[in-house]
N, C-alpha and C. Protein backbone atom coordinates (compact mmCIF):
# COMPACT_ATOMS: atom_id res chain seq x y z
N MET A 1 -94.11 -91.73 -47.35
CA MET A 1 -95.27 -91.64 -48.38
C MET A 1 -96.86 -91.49 -48.37
N ALA A 2 -97.18 -89.80 -48.91
CA ALA A 2 -98.55 -89.49 -48.23
C ALA A 2 -99.40 -90.74 -49.45
N ALA A 3 -100.42 -91.21 -48.51
CA ALA A 3 -101.77 -92.48 -49.00
C ALA A 3 -102.34 -91.68 -49.94
N ARG A 4 -102.68 -92.14 -51.37
CA ARG A 4 -102.87 -91.64 -52.90
C ARG A 4 -104.62 -91.98 -52.37
N LYS A 5 -105.47 -90.40 -52.67
CA LYS A 5 -106.75 -91.60 -52.44
C LYS A 5 -107.50 -92.35 -53.55
N ASP A 6 -106.64 -91.82 -55.14
CA ASP A 6 -107.41 -92.27 -55.90
C ASP A 6 -106.36 -92.53 -57.26
N ILE A 7 -105.33 -93.85 -56.83
CA ILE A 7 -104.52 -93.90 -58.14
C ILE A 7 -104.67 -93.60 -59.78
N ARG A 8 -106.08 -94.02 -60.06
CA ARG A 8 -106.07 -93.70 -61.39
C ARG A 8 -106.12 -92.60 -61.82
N SER A 9 -106.10 -90.97 -60.80
CA SER A 9 -105.96 -89.63 -61.32
C SER A 9 -104.34 -89.92 -61.44
N LEU A 10 -103.68 -90.27 -60.91
CA LEU A 10 -102.65 -89.58 -61.10
C LEU A 10 -101.97 -88.99 -62.64
N THR A 11 -102.60 -90.00 -63.74
CA THR A 11 -101.96 -89.18 -65.14
C THR A 11 -103.22 -88.22 -65.63
N TYR A 12 -103.80 -88.13 -65.29
CA TYR A 12 -104.73 -87.65 -64.98
C TYR A 12 -105.24 -85.64 -65.33
N SER A 13 -104.94 -84.82 -65.89
CA SER A 13 -105.05 -83.33 -65.51
C SER A 13 -105.62 -83.20 -64.70
N GLU A 14 -105.42 -82.15 -64.06
CA GLU A 14 -107.13 -81.27 -63.18
C GLU A 14 -108.36 -81.25 -63.83
N LEU A 15 -108.09 -80.67 -65.07
CA LEU A 15 -109.54 -80.59 -66.32
C LEU A 15 -110.32 -82.06 -66.01
N ALA A 16 -109.54 -82.84 -66.34
CA ALA A 16 -109.99 -84.38 -67.04
C ALA A 16 -110.30 -85.11 -65.01
N ILE A 17 -110.32 -84.88 -64.66
CA ILE A 17 -110.41 -85.12 -63.11
C ILE A 17 -111.83 -84.48 -62.79
N GLN A 18 -111.64 -83.45 -62.67
CA GLN A 18 -112.84 -83.10 -62.23
C GLN A 18 -114.06 -83.58 -63.70
N THR A 19 -113.71 -83.26 -65.19
CA THR A 19 -114.88 -83.58 -65.61
C THR A 19 -115.88 -85.40 -65.40
N GLU A 20 -114.61 -85.97 -65.66
CA GLU A 20 -114.41 -87.68 -65.62
C GLU A 20 -114.69 -88.14 -64.08
N PHE A 21 -113.80 -87.44 -62.90
CA PHE A 21 -114.71 -88.31 -61.65
C PHE A 21 -115.66 -87.35 -60.95
N SER A 22 -116.03 -86.72 -61.52
CA SER A 22 -117.19 -86.21 -60.69
C SER A 22 -118.17 -86.80 -61.41
N ARG A 23 -118.58 -86.92 -62.62
CA ARG A 23 -119.61 -87.66 -63.54
C ARG A 23 -119.53 -88.82 -63.65
N LYS A 24 -119.10 -89.84 -63.65
CA LYS A 24 -119.03 -90.88 -63.75
C LYS A 24 -120.53 -91.41 -64.52
N LYS A 25 -120.51 -92.34 -65.39
CA LYS A 25 -121.74 -92.58 -65.80
C LYS A 25 -121.52 -94.66 -65.89
N TRP A 26 -120.02 -95.24 -65.16
CA TRP A 26 -120.64 -96.25 -64.52
C TRP A 26 -119.70 -96.51 -63.13
N LYS A 27 -119.62 -97.68 -62.88
CA LYS A 27 -119.60 -97.82 -61.29
C LYS A 27 -118.06 -98.86 -61.72
N HIS A 28 -116.76 -98.29 -61.78
CA HIS A 28 -116.26 -98.96 -61.47
C HIS A 28 -115.64 -99.57 -59.95
N PRO A 29 -115.03 -100.76 -60.30
CA PRO A 29 -114.05 -101.90 -59.14
C PRO A 29 -113.90 -101.15 -58.30
N ASN A 30 -113.50 -101.62 -57.14
CA ASN A 30 -112.80 -101.37 -55.88
C ASN A 30 -111.01 -101.39 -56.49
N ASP A 31 -111.06 -100.72 -56.94
CA ASP A 31 -108.43 -100.34 -57.09
C ASP A 31 -108.18 -100.38 -55.34
N GLU A 32 -108.47 -100.55 -54.39
CA GLU A 32 -107.66 -100.32 -53.67
C GLU A 32 -106.59 -101.24 -53.67
N VAL A 33 -106.77 -102.57 -54.21
CA VAL A 33 -104.94 -102.56 -54.52
C VAL A 33 -104.25 -102.55 -54.73
N PHE A 34 -104.29 -101.79 -55.99
CA PHE A 34 -103.71 -101.60 -56.35
C PHE A 34 -103.75 -100.03 -56.12
N ASN A 35 -104.14 -99.17 -55.48
CA ASN A 35 -103.63 -98.25 -55.04
C ASN A 35 -102.92 -98.28 -53.65
N LYS A 36 -102.82 -99.63 -53.06
CA LYS A 36 -102.25 -99.54 -52.01
C LYS A 36 -100.77 -99.65 -52.36
N LEU A 37 -100.77 -100.73 -53.45
CA LEU A 37 -99.38 -100.86 -54.21
C LEU A 37 -98.88 -99.31 -54.50
N GLY A 38 -98.92 -98.70 -55.01
CA GLY A 38 -98.76 -97.30 -55.95
C GLY A 38 -98.20 -96.59 -53.98
N ASP A 39 -98.83 -96.99 -52.86
CA ASP A 39 -98.22 -96.46 -51.90
C ASP A 39 -96.72 -96.91 -51.53
N MET A 40 -96.47 -98.59 -51.55
CA MET A 40 -95.68 -98.67 -51.46
C MET A 40 -94.47 -99.45 -52.55
N ILE A 41 -94.27 -97.96 -53.19
CA ILE A 41 -93.54 -98.44 -54.67
C ILE A 41 -93.15 -96.94 -54.69
N LYS A 42 -92.20 -96.72 -55.84
CA LYS A 42 -91.59 -95.29 -56.24
C LYS A 42 -92.75 -94.69 -57.26
N GLU A 43 -92.48 -93.58 -57.04
CA GLU A 43 -93.51 -92.42 -57.43
C GLU A 43 -93.16 -93.46 -58.92
N GLU A 44 -92.20 -93.31 -60.18
CA GLU A 44 -92.38 -93.40 -61.28
C GLU A 44 -92.84 -94.42 -61.20
N ARG A 45 -93.19 -95.98 -60.94
CA ARG A 45 -93.86 -96.67 -61.15
C ARG A 45 -95.34 -96.83 -60.40
N GLN A 46 -95.53 -95.58 -59.69
CA GLN A 46 -97.16 -95.37 -59.71
C GLN A 46 -97.23 -94.81 -60.80
N ASP A 47 -96.90 -94.23 -60.95
CA ASP A 47 -98.08 -93.36 -62.36
C ASP A 47 -97.75 -94.60 -63.94
N MET A 48 -97.07 -95.87 -63.43
CA MET A 48 -96.93 -97.33 -64.68
C MET A 48 -98.45 -97.35 -64.28
N ILE A 49 -99.09 -97.73 -62.80
CA ILE A 49 -99.71 -98.22 -62.48
C ILE A 49 -101.27 -97.03 -62.47
N ALA A 50 -101.27 -95.80 -62.57
CA ALA A 50 -101.95 -95.20 -62.77
C ALA A 50 -102.05 -95.51 -64.50
N ASP A 51 -101.24 -95.60 -65.77
CA ASP A 51 -101.39 -95.30 -66.79
C ASP A 51 -102.11 -96.87 -67.09
N PHE A 52 -101.82 -97.96 -66.26
CA PHE A 52 -102.29 -99.15 -66.88
C PHE A 52 -104.11 -99.03 -66.27
N LEU A 53 -104.31 -99.08 -65.33
CA LEU A 53 -105.72 -98.36 -65.10
C LEU A 53 -106.69 -97.71 -65.79
N ASN A 54 -105.65 -96.41 -66.46
CA ASN A 54 -106.54 -95.45 -67.12
C ASN A 54 -106.73 -95.95 -68.62
N LEU A 55 -105.80 -96.52 -68.94
CA LEU A 55 -105.85 -97.81 -70.59
C LEU A 55 -106.46 -98.75 -70.36
N PHE A 56 -106.65 -99.18 -69.55
CA PHE A 56 -107.64 -100.48 -69.33
C PHE A 56 -109.55 -100.49 -69.20
N TYR A 57 -109.33 -99.22 -68.60
CA TYR A 57 -110.85 -98.46 -68.19
C TYR A 57 -110.88 -98.27 -69.80
N TYR A 58 -110.20 -96.84 -70.46
CA TYR A 58 -110.26 -97.10 -72.14
C TYR A 58 -110.90 -97.74 -72.55
N PHE A 59 -109.75 -98.76 -72.60
CA PHE A 59 -110.56 -99.71 -74.06
C PHE A 59 -111.33 -100.84 -73.26
N ILE A 60 -111.51 -101.16 -72.07
CA ILE A 60 -112.56 -102.06 -71.99
C ILE A 60 -113.98 -101.05 -71.46
N ILE A 61 -114.37 -99.63 -71.95
CA ILE A 61 -115.16 -98.85 -72.91
C ILE A 61 -115.25 -98.80 -74.08
N CYS A 62 -114.02 -98.85 -74.89
CA CYS A 62 -114.31 -99.15 -76.01
C CYS A 62 -114.54 -100.15 -76.88
N TYR A 63 -114.11 -101.33 -76.10
CA TYR A 63 -114.60 -102.61 -76.56
C TYR A 63 -116.53 -102.89 -76.12
N SER A 64 -116.44 -102.62 -74.59
CA SER A 64 -118.04 -102.43 -74.36
C SER A 64 -119.08 -102.34 -76.01
N LYS A 65 -119.00 -100.98 -75.72
CA LYS A 65 -119.34 -100.24 -76.76
C LYS A 65 -119.87 -100.86 -78.25
N LYS A 66 -118.57 -101.85 -78.87
CA LYS A 66 -118.16 -102.25 -80.52
C LYS A 66 -118.52 -103.89 -80.13
N CYS A 67 -117.92 -104.58 -79.23
CA CYS A 67 -117.33 -105.34 -79.29
C CYS A 67 -119.05 -106.88 -78.05
N PHE A 68 -118.57 -106.57 -77.47
CA PHE A 68 -119.09 -106.55 -76.56
C PHE A 68 -120.70 -107.37 -76.14
N LYS A 69 -120.53 -106.93 -76.99
CA LYS A 69 -122.95 -107.01 -77.49
C LYS A 69 -123.37 -108.09 -77.65
N LYS A 70 -124.40 -108.11 -76.02
CA LYS A 70 -125.45 -109.45 -76.29
C LYS A 70 -125.74 -109.69 -77.73
N ASN A 71 -126.53 -108.90 -78.69
CA ASN A 71 -126.95 -109.95 -79.40
C ASN A 71 -126.58 -109.18 -80.79
N GLY A 72 -125.47 -108.98 -80.57
CA GLY A 72 -124.53 -108.58 -82.39
C GLY A 72 -123.89 -110.30 -82.64
N ASP A 73 -124.31 -109.89 -84.14
CA ASP A 73 -124.59 -110.80 -85.09
C ASP A 73 -123.37 -110.12 -86.21
N TRP A 74 -121.77 -110.64 -85.77
CA TRP A 74 -120.74 -109.97 -87.06
C TRP A 74 -120.34 -111.05 -88.01
N GLN A 75 -121.69 -111.88 -88.23
CA GLN A 75 -120.65 -112.57 -88.84
C GLN A 75 -122.49 -112.17 -90.47
N THR A 76 -123.48 -111.97 -90.30
CA THR A 76 -123.61 -111.28 -91.39
C THR A 76 -123.59 -110.17 -92.31
N SER A 77 -123.59 -111.16 -93.64
CA SER A 77 -123.35 -109.72 -94.50
C SER A 77 -124.40 -109.28 -94.28
N LYS A 78 -125.34 -108.96 -94.01
CA LYS A 78 -126.83 -108.11 -94.40
C LYS A 78 -126.29 -106.68 -93.29
N TYR A 79 -125.61 -107.37 -92.13
CA TYR A 79 -125.33 -106.05 -90.95
C TYR A 79 -124.55 -105.13 -91.53
N LYS A 80 -125.24 -103.94 -91.46
CA LYS A 80 -124.64 -102.78 -91.99
C LYS A 80 -123.97 -102.22 -90.77
N LEU A 81 -122.47 -102.17 -90.68
CA LEU A 81 -122.17 -101.02 -90.16
C LEU A 81 -122.31 -99.54 -89.86
N SER A 82 -122.98 -98.65 -89.07
CA SER A 82 -122.80 -97.12 -88.48
C SER A 82 -121.78 -96.67 -88.93
N GLN A 83 -121.75 -95.12 -88.67
CA GLN A 83 -120.30 -94.51 -89.36
C GLN A 83 -119.11 -94.67 -88.43
N GLU A 84 -120.18 -94.63 -86.97
CA GLU A 84 -119.28 -95.02 -86.21
C GLU A 84 -119.00 -95.83 -85.91
N GLU A 85 -119.65 -97.30 -86.39
CA GLU A 85 -119.07 -98.83 -85.67
C GLU A 85 -117.63 -98.78 -86.73
N LEU A 86 -117.60 -98.07 -87.85
CA LEU A 86 -116.42 -98.55 -88.40
C LEU A 86 -115.09 -98.04 -87.61
N HIS A 87 -115.32 -97.47 -86.41
CA HIS A 87 -113.94 -96.59 -86.61
C HIS A 87 -113.39 -98.41 -85.33
N PHE A 88 -113.68 -98.68 -85.82
CA PHE A 88 -113.61 -99.80 -85.10
C PHE A 88 -113.12 -101.19 -86.04
N ASN A 89 -111.72 -101.74 -85.92
CA ASN A 89 -111.47 -102.91 -87.08
C ASN A 89 -111.95 -104.39 -86.37
N TYR A 90 -113.35 -105.03 -86.43
CA TYR A 90 -113.32 -106.23 -86.22
C TYR A 90 -112.17 -107.58 -86.82
N GLU A 91 -111.94 -107.31 -88.18
CA GLU A 91 -110.83 -108.16 -88.64
C GLU A 91 -109.94 -108.13 -87.61
N ARG A 92 -109.93 -106.94 -87.48
CA ARG A 92 -107.76 -106.79 -86.28
C ARG A 92 -107.86 -106.97 -85.21
N ALA A 93 -109.04 -107.31 -84.26
CA ALA A 93 -109.58 -107.61 -82.79
C ALA A 93 -109.55 -109.14 -83.27
N ASN A 94 -110.32 -109.66 -84.46
CA ASN A 94 -110.43 -111.03 -84.28
C ASN A 94 -108.93 -111.79 -84.63
N GLU A 95 -107.98 -111.06 -85.37
CA GLU A 95 -106.65 -111.55 -86.00
C GLU A 95 -105.47 -111.96 -84.51
N TYR A 96 -106.11 -110.76 -83.73
CA TYR A 96 -104.80 -110.85 -82.71
C TYR A 96 -106.09 -111.55 -81.32
N ASP A 97 -107.80 -111.54 -81.28
CA ASP A 97 -107.62 -112.27 -80.29
C ASP A 97 -107.79 -111.46 -79.16
N SER A 98 -107.95 -110.00 -79.85
CA SER A 98 -107.66 -109.16 -78.54
C SER A 98 -108.67 -108.79 -77.51
N HIS A 99 -110.23 -109.26 -77.56
CA HIS A 99 -111.32 -109.37 -76.82
C HIS A 99 -110.96 -110.34 -75.78
N SER A 100 -110.63 -111.40 -76.22
CA SER A 100 -109.86 -112.59 -75.46
C SER A 100 -109.33 -111.75 -74.73
N LYS A 101 -107.98 -110.73 -73.98
CA LYS A 101 -106.71 -110.75 -74.09
C LYS A 101 -107.31 -109.85 -72.71
N LEU A 102 -107.90 -109.30 -73.10
CA LEU A 102 -108.86 -108.07 -72.46
C LEU A 102 -109.51 -107.99 -71.36
N LEU A 103 -110.37 -109.90 -71.59
CA LEU A 103 -110.79 -110.56 -70.70
C LEU A 103 -110.41 -111.04 -69.27
N GLU A 104 -109.16 -111.60 -70.18
CA GLU A 104 -108.01 -112.16 -69.58
C GLU A 104 -107.51 -111.43 -68.84
N ILE A 105 -106.83 -109.74 -68.91
CA ILE A 105 -106.67 -108.94 -67.67
C ILE A 105 -107.87 -108.63 -66.48
N GLN A 106 -109.06 -107.93 -67.40
CA GLN A 106 -110.50 -108.45 -65.90
C GLN A 106 -110.12 -108.91 -65.26
N ARG A 107 -109.82 -110.45 -66.13
CA ARG A 107 -109.90 -111.68 -65.10
C ARG A 107 -108.75 -111.60 -63.81
N ARG A 108 -107.42 -111.54 -64.51
CA ARG A 108 -106.68 -111.55 -63.32
C ARG A 108 -107.03 -110.03 -61.72
N MET A 109 -107.16 -109.00 -62.79
CA MET A 109 -107.21 -107.41 -62.00
C MET A 109 -108.48 -107.66 -61.18
N ASN A 110 -109.78 -108.60 -61.37
CA ASN A 110 -110.30 -108.81 -60.07
C ASN A 110 -110.44 -110.13 -59.01
N LEU A 111 -109.42 -111.20 -59.85
CA LEU A 111 -108.42 -111.66 -58.45
C LEU A 111 -108.05 -110.98 -57.95
N TYR A 112 -107.12 -110.30 -58.00
CA TYR A 112 -106.70 -110.03 -57.20
C TYR A 112 -107.28 -108.93 -56.29
N ARG A 113 -108.07 -108.71 -56.70
CA ARG A 113 -109.07 -107.40 -55.54
C ARG A 113 -109.75 -108.20 -54.88
N GLN A 114 -109.73 -109.68 -54.97
CA GLN A 114 -110.95 -110.80 -54.40
C GLN A 114 -109.91 -111.26 -53.38
N GLU A 115 -109.29 -111.62 -53.80
CA GLU A 115 -107.60 -111.92 -53.23
C GLU A 115 -107.35 -111.03 -51.86
N PHE A 116 -107.43 -109.65 -52.52
CA PHE A 116 -106.77 -108.84 -51.72
C PHE A 116 -107.82 -108.21 -50.45
N LYS A 117 -109.18 -108.09 -50.55
CA LYS A 117 -110.56 -107.85 -49.69
C LYS A 117 -110.08 -108.77 -48.73
N TYR A 118 -110.01 -110.01 -48.95
CA TYR A 118 -110.39 -111.58 -48.50
C TYR A 118 -109.23 -111.13 -47.07
N ALA A 119 -107.86 -110.43 -48.49
CA ALA A 119 -106.88 -110.54 -46.61
C ALA A 119 -107.21 -109.34 -46.32
N GLU A 120 -108.10 -108.37 -45.94
CA GLU A 120 -107.69 -107.66 -45.59
C GLU A 120 -108.88 -107.44 -44.25
N ASP A 121 -110.05 -108.79 -44.60
CA ASP A 121 -111.59 -108.85 -44.30
C ASP A 121 -110.58 -110.27 -42.85
N THR A 122 -109.72 -110.65 -43.03
CA THR A 122 -109.12 -111.54 -42.40
C THR A 122 -107.81 -111.58 -41.54
N GLY A 123 -107.48 -110.01 -42.13
CA GLY A 123 -106.33 -109.29 -40.92
C GLY A 123 -104.64 -110.04 -41.59
N LYS A 124 -104.68 -110.34 -42.53
CA LYS A 124 -103.72 -111.40 -43.27
C LYS A 124 -102.87 -110.00 -44.46
N LEU A 125 -101.66 -110.34 -44.78
CA LEU A 125 -100.66 -109.60 -45.21
C LEU A 125 -100.75 -109.78 -46.77
N TYR A 126 -101.19 -109.06 -47.06
CA TYR A 126 -101.38 -109.69 -48.84
C TYR A 126 -100.47 -108.81 -49.56
N LEU A 127 -100.09 -107.71 -49.87
CA LEU A 127 -98.76 -107.12 -50.61
C LEU A 127 -97.35 -107.44 -49.83
N ASN A 128 -97.15 -108.87 -50.00
CA ASN A 128 -95.67 -108.98 -49.59
C ASN A 128 -94.71 -108.67 -50.66
N ASP A 129 -93.70 -109.12 -50.62
CA ASP A 129 -92.42 -108.43 -51.65
C ASP A 129 -92.93 -109.73 -52.73
N ASP A 130 -93.08 -111.05 -52.61
CA ASP A 130 -93.22 -111.78 -53.84
C ASP A 130 -94.60 -111.68 -54.47
N ARG A 131 -95.63 -111.23 -53.49
CA ARG A 131 -97.02 -111.07 -54.21
C ARG A 131 -96.64 -109.69 -54.86
N LYS A 132 -95.69 -107.83 -54.26
CA LYS A 132 -95.82 -107.06 -55.36
C LYS A 132 -95.08 -107.32 -56.93
N ARG A 133 -94.00 -108.33 -57.04
CA ARG A 133 -93.02 -108.45 -57.79
C ARG A 133 -94.66 -108.68 -58.17
N GLU A 134 -94.89 -109.83 -58.96
CA GLU A 134 -95.90 -110.04 -59.25
C GLU A 134 -96.60 -109.70 -59.45
N ILE A 135 -97.35 -108.99 -59.14
CA ILE A 135 -98.66 -107.98 -59.56
C ILE A 135 -97.66 -106.34 -60.91
N ILE A 136 -96.39 -106.25 -60.55
CA ILE A 136 -95.53 -105.36 -60.89
C ILE A 136 -95.92 -106.05 -62.36
N LEU A 137 -95.49 -107.27 -62.21
CA LEU A 137 -94.58 -107.98 -63.81
C LEU A 137 -96.43 -108.44 -64.74
N PHE A 138 -97.78 -108.20 -63.74
CA PHE A 138 -99.18 -108.22 -64.51
C PHE A 138 -98.81 -106.84 -64.83
N ILE A 139 -98.72 -106.43 -64.60
CA ILE A 139 -99.31 -105.27 -65.19
C ILE A 139 -97.67 -104.33 -66.60
N GLU A 140 -97.10 -105.05 -66.30
CA GLU A 140 -96.35 -104.18 -67.20
C GLU A 140 -96.36 -104.83 -68.22
N GLU A 141 -96.90 -106.72 -67.84
CA GLU A 141 -96.80 -107.16 -69.72
C GLU A 141 -98.79 -106.82 -70.18
N SER A 142 -99.30 -106.51 -69.01
CA SER A 142 -100.78 -105.70 -69.21
C SER A 142 -100.29 -104.53 -69.91
N LEU A 143 -100.10 -103.82 -69.39
CA LEU A 143 -98.84 -102.58 -70.99
C LEU A 143 -98.72 -102.73 -72.02
N ALA A 144 -97.75 -104.25 -72.15
CA ALA A 144 -97.59 -104.75 -73.60
C ALA A 144 -98.64 -104.88 -74.51
N ILE A 145 -99.35 -105.76 -73.85
CA ILE A 145 -100.65 -106.55 -74.64
C ILE A 145 -101.42 -105.26 -74.92
N ILE A 146 -102.17 -104.72 -74.19
CA ILE A 146 -102.52 -103.46 -74.44
C ILE A 146 -102.50 -101.88 -75.29
N CYS A 147 -100.64 -101.27 -74.99
CA CYS A 147 -100.02 -101.19 -76.03
C CYS A 147 -100.26 -101.41 -77.40
N THR A 148 -100.36 -101.97 -77.65
CA THR A 148 -100.18 -102.93 -78.88
C THR A 148 -101.65 -104.24 -79.53
N GLU A 149 -101.68 -104.78 -79.38
CA GLU A 149 -102.70 -106.17 -79.49
C GLU A 149 -104.17 -105.24 -79.27
N ILE A 150 -103.99 -104.55 -77.36
CA ILE A 150 -105.77 -104.19 -77.74
C ILE A 150 -106.08 -103.13 -77.82
N GLN A 151 -105.31 -102.14 -78.33
CA GLN A 151 -104.67 -100.98 -78.94
C GLN A 151 -105.37 -100.50 -80.51
N GLU A 152 -104.75 -101.27 -80.89
CA GLU A 152 -104.57 -101.55 -82.50
C GLU A 152 -106.41 -102.01 -83.13
N PRO A 153 -106.86 -102.23 -83.28
CA PRO A 153 -108.61 -102.61 -83.46
C PRO A 153 -108.88 -100.57 -83.93
N VAL A 154 -109.06 -100.18 -82.65
CA VAL A 154 -109.67 -99.35 -81.76
C VAL A 154 -108.85 -97.86 -82.79
N ILE A 155 -109.32 -97.85 -83.64
CA ILE A 155 -108.88 -96.77 -85.40
C ILE A 155 -109.01 -95.45 -84.50
N PHE A 156 -109.67 -95.15 -83.22
CA PHE A 156 -109.52 -93.52 -83.46
C PHE A 156 -108.90 -93.68 -82.02
N THR A 157 -108.50 -92.90 -81.42
CA THR A 157 -107.99 -92.54 -79.80
C THR A 157 -107.99 -91.15 -79.42
N SER A 158 -108.41 -90.63 -78.87
CA SER A 158 -107.41 -89.61 -78.22
C SER A 158 -105.98 -89.54 -77.84
N TYR A 159 -105.90 -87.80 -78.10
CA TYR A 159 -104.76 -87.60 -77.97
C TYR A 159 -104.28 -88.33 -76.67
N ASP A 160 -104.82 -87.94 -75.56
CA ASP A 160 -104.45 -88.83 -73.84
C ASP A 160 -103.51 -89.78 -74.23
N ILE A 161 -104.09 -91.07 -74.82
CA ILE A 161 -104.72 -92.03 -74.51
C ILE A 161 -103.39 -92.12 -75.81
N LYS A 162 -103.14 -91.87 -76.83
CA LYS A 162 -101.88 -92.20 -77.66
C LYS A 162 -100.63 -91.32 -76.64
N SER A 163 -101.04 -90.91 -76.01
CA SER A 163 -99.33 -90.32 -75.06
C SER A 163 -99.38 -91.21 -74.38
N LYS A 164 -99.85 -91.76 -73.26
CA LYS A 164 -100.10 -92.65 -73.03
C LYS A 164 -99.42 -94.43 -73.72
N ILE A 165 -99.20 -94.59 -75.19
CA ILE A 165 -98.93 -95.74 -76.08
C ILE A 165 -98.10 -94.99 -76.15
N ALA A 166 -97.31 -94.53 -76.38
CA ALA A 166 -96.52 -93.85 -77.21
C ALA A 166 -94.73 -93.83 -76.01
N LYS A 167 -95.41 -93.89 -74.64
CA LYS A 167 -94.60 -93.15 -73.85
C LYS A 167 -94.17 -94.72 -72.85
N TYR A 168 -94.83 -96.04 -73.60
CA TYR A 168 -94.29 -97.62 -73.26
C TYR A 168 -93.45 -98.31 -74.28
N SER A 169 -93.62 -97.33 -75.50
CA SER A 169 -93.83 -98.29 -76.67
C SER A 169 -92.19 -98.03 -76.88
N ASN A 170 -91.16 -97.60 -76.34
CA ASN A 170 -89.76 -98.44 -76.22
C ASN A 170 -89.85 -99.82 -75.29
N ASP A 171 -90.46 -99.45 -73.96
CA ASP A 171 -90.27 -100.58 -73.21
C ASP A 171 -91.09 -101.85 -73.81
N ILE A 172 -91.61 -101.61 -74.50
CA ILE A 172 -92.05 -102.83 -75.11
C ILE A 172 -92.04 -103.50 -75.68
N ARG A 173 -91.04 -102.58 -76.89
CA ARG A 173 -89.82 -103.15 -77.85
C ARG A 173 -88.68 -104.30 -76.80
N ASP A 174 -88.27 -103.50 -75.86
CA ASP A 174 -87.38 -103.49 -74.85
C ASP A 174 -87.16 -105.28 -74.66
N MET A 175 -88.78 -105.19 -74.10
CA MET A 175 -89.40 -106.49 -73.75
C MET A 175 -89.50 -107.90 -74.62
N LYS A 176 -89.91 -107.14 -75.69
CA LYS A 176 -90.30 -108.64 -77.12
C LYS A 176 -88.54 -108.92 -77.04
N GLU A 177 -87.66 -108.23 -77.06
CA GLU A 177 -85.96 -108.67 -77.40
C GLU A 177 -85.60 -109.41 -76.15
N ARG A 178 -85.89 -108.64 -74.71
CA ARG A 178 -85.52 -110.01 -73.69
C ARG A 178 -86.05 -111.27 -74.17
N LYS A 179 -87.52 -110.90 -74.89
CA LYS A 179 -87.83 -112.61 -74.74
C LYS A 179 -87.90 -113.14 -75.39
N LYS A 180 -87.29 -112.29 -77.16
CA LYS A 180 -86.99 -113.59 -78.32
C LYS A 180 -85.56 -114.06 -77.89
N HIS A 181 -84.80 -113.16 -76.84
CA HIS A 181 -83.39 -114.05 -77.36
C HIS A 181 -83.32 -114.55 -75.82
N LYS A 182 -83.84 -115.22 -74.57
CA LYS A 182 -83.95 -115.40 -73.63
C LYS A 182 -83.48 -117.10 -74.25
N LYS A 183 -82.63 -118.14 -73.51
CA LYS A 183 -82.61 -119.26 -73.79
C LYS A 183 -82.72 -120.25 -72.99
N SER A 184 -83.47 -120.99 -72.80
CA SER A 184 -83.81 -121.56 -72.43
C SER A 184 -82.80 -122.86 -70.89
N PRO A 185 -82.50 -123.16 -69.79
CA PRO A 185 -81.71 -123.77 -69.35
C PRO A 185 -81.72 -125.14 -69.32
N LYS A 186 -82.80 -125.43 -70.54
CA LYS A 186 -82.43 -126.57 -70.01
C LYS A 186 -81.89 -127.27 -72.03
N LEU A 187 -81.91 -126.76 -72.32
CA LEU A 187 -81.17 -127.04 -73.36
C LEU A 187 -79.69 -126.18 -73.94
N ASN A 188 -78.98 -127.29 -74.63
CA ASN A 188 -77.74 -127.37 -74.61
C ASN A 188 -77.32 -126.57 -75.87
N TYR A 189 -77.53 -125.19 -75.87
CA TYR A 189 -76.87 -124.51 -76.90
C TYR A 189 -75.62 -125.22 -78.04
N ALA A 190 -74.49 -125.38 -77.48
CA ALA A 190 -73.21 -125.81 -77.90
C ALA A 190 -73.11 -126.61 -78.39
N VAL A 191 -74.24 -128.37 -78.10
CA VAL A 191 -74.59 -128.85 -79.45
C VAL A 191 -75.75 -128.64 -80.37
N LEU A 192 -76.18 -128.15 -79.83
CA LEU A 192 -77.43 -127.59 -81.26
C LEU A 192 -76.57 -126.59 -82.02
N GLU A 193 -75.78 -125.96 -81.90
CA GLU A 193 -74.56 -125.43 -83.21
C GLU A 193 -73.23 -125.95 -83.65
N ALA A 194 -73.09 -127.27 -82.64
CA ALA A 194 -72.71 -128.29 -83.16
C ALA A 194 -73.17 -128.47 -84.14
N LEU A 195 -74.21 -129.34 -84.02
CA LEU A 195 -74.94 -129.72 -85.07
C LEU A 195 -75.58 -128.83 -86.41
N GLY A 196 -75.07 -127.82 -86.73
CA GLY A 196 -75.63 -126.99 -87.28
C GLY A 196 -76.72 -125.98 -87.22
N LEU A 197 -77.75 -126.35 -86.24
CA LEU A 197 -78.85 -125.44 -86.25
C LEU A 197 -78.66 -124.01 -85.68
N ASP A 198 -79.69 -123.23 -86.33
CA ASP A 198 -79.67 -122.04 -85.80
C ASP A 198 -80.23 -121.60 -84.68
N VAL A 199 -79.74 -121.57 -83.04
CA VAL A 199 -80.31 -121.04 -82.09
C VAL A 199 -80.33 -118.90 -81.76
N SER A 200 -80.28 -118.45 -82.54
CA SER A 200 -79.92 -116.91 -83.06
C SER A 200 -81.53 -116.74 -81.73
N SER A 201 -82.49 -117.07 -82.80
CA SER A 201 -84.11 -116.62 -82.08
C SER A 201 -84.43 -117.65 -81.43
């Protein structure tokens, strides 16, 4: 499998790549750990990693413009929202605690970047089978959060972003169903049912 220079570009159109990647206005961190992981897995999973990065960077910029402002005072009734700022639902963001969830995803990404860089610098293998599974699971869970609770307060998104969110909607529903029906090995469900307790949820 040929090495890919930038996995983020996988799910962008050629025109978007030319405009977005040639005139970047911000310096994004090194995603080499995700590029390397992409080289080691199946092609359809590479698209998932690329979509995750695309969505994460899109929403971190949305939140940076709307929420992560040093002097923003969201509580005062005197604060007047501009037309542009009305495109973000602050109440919904607070309800979902989506700010914290987005920052937690960023924290985990930075941890993987740092660990990967340290392993590379010291000549150690970082992406063993366990680590690959761990990062893939992190990406799947993060996509579920991004495509639900993090995107929800952002009222207007581009067609490209909407299509990526729709792409994972079935997977997210399946993941939630699996979690809902997952039974704990520590409980004796036969005893609970005998006592007349509902164990379906």
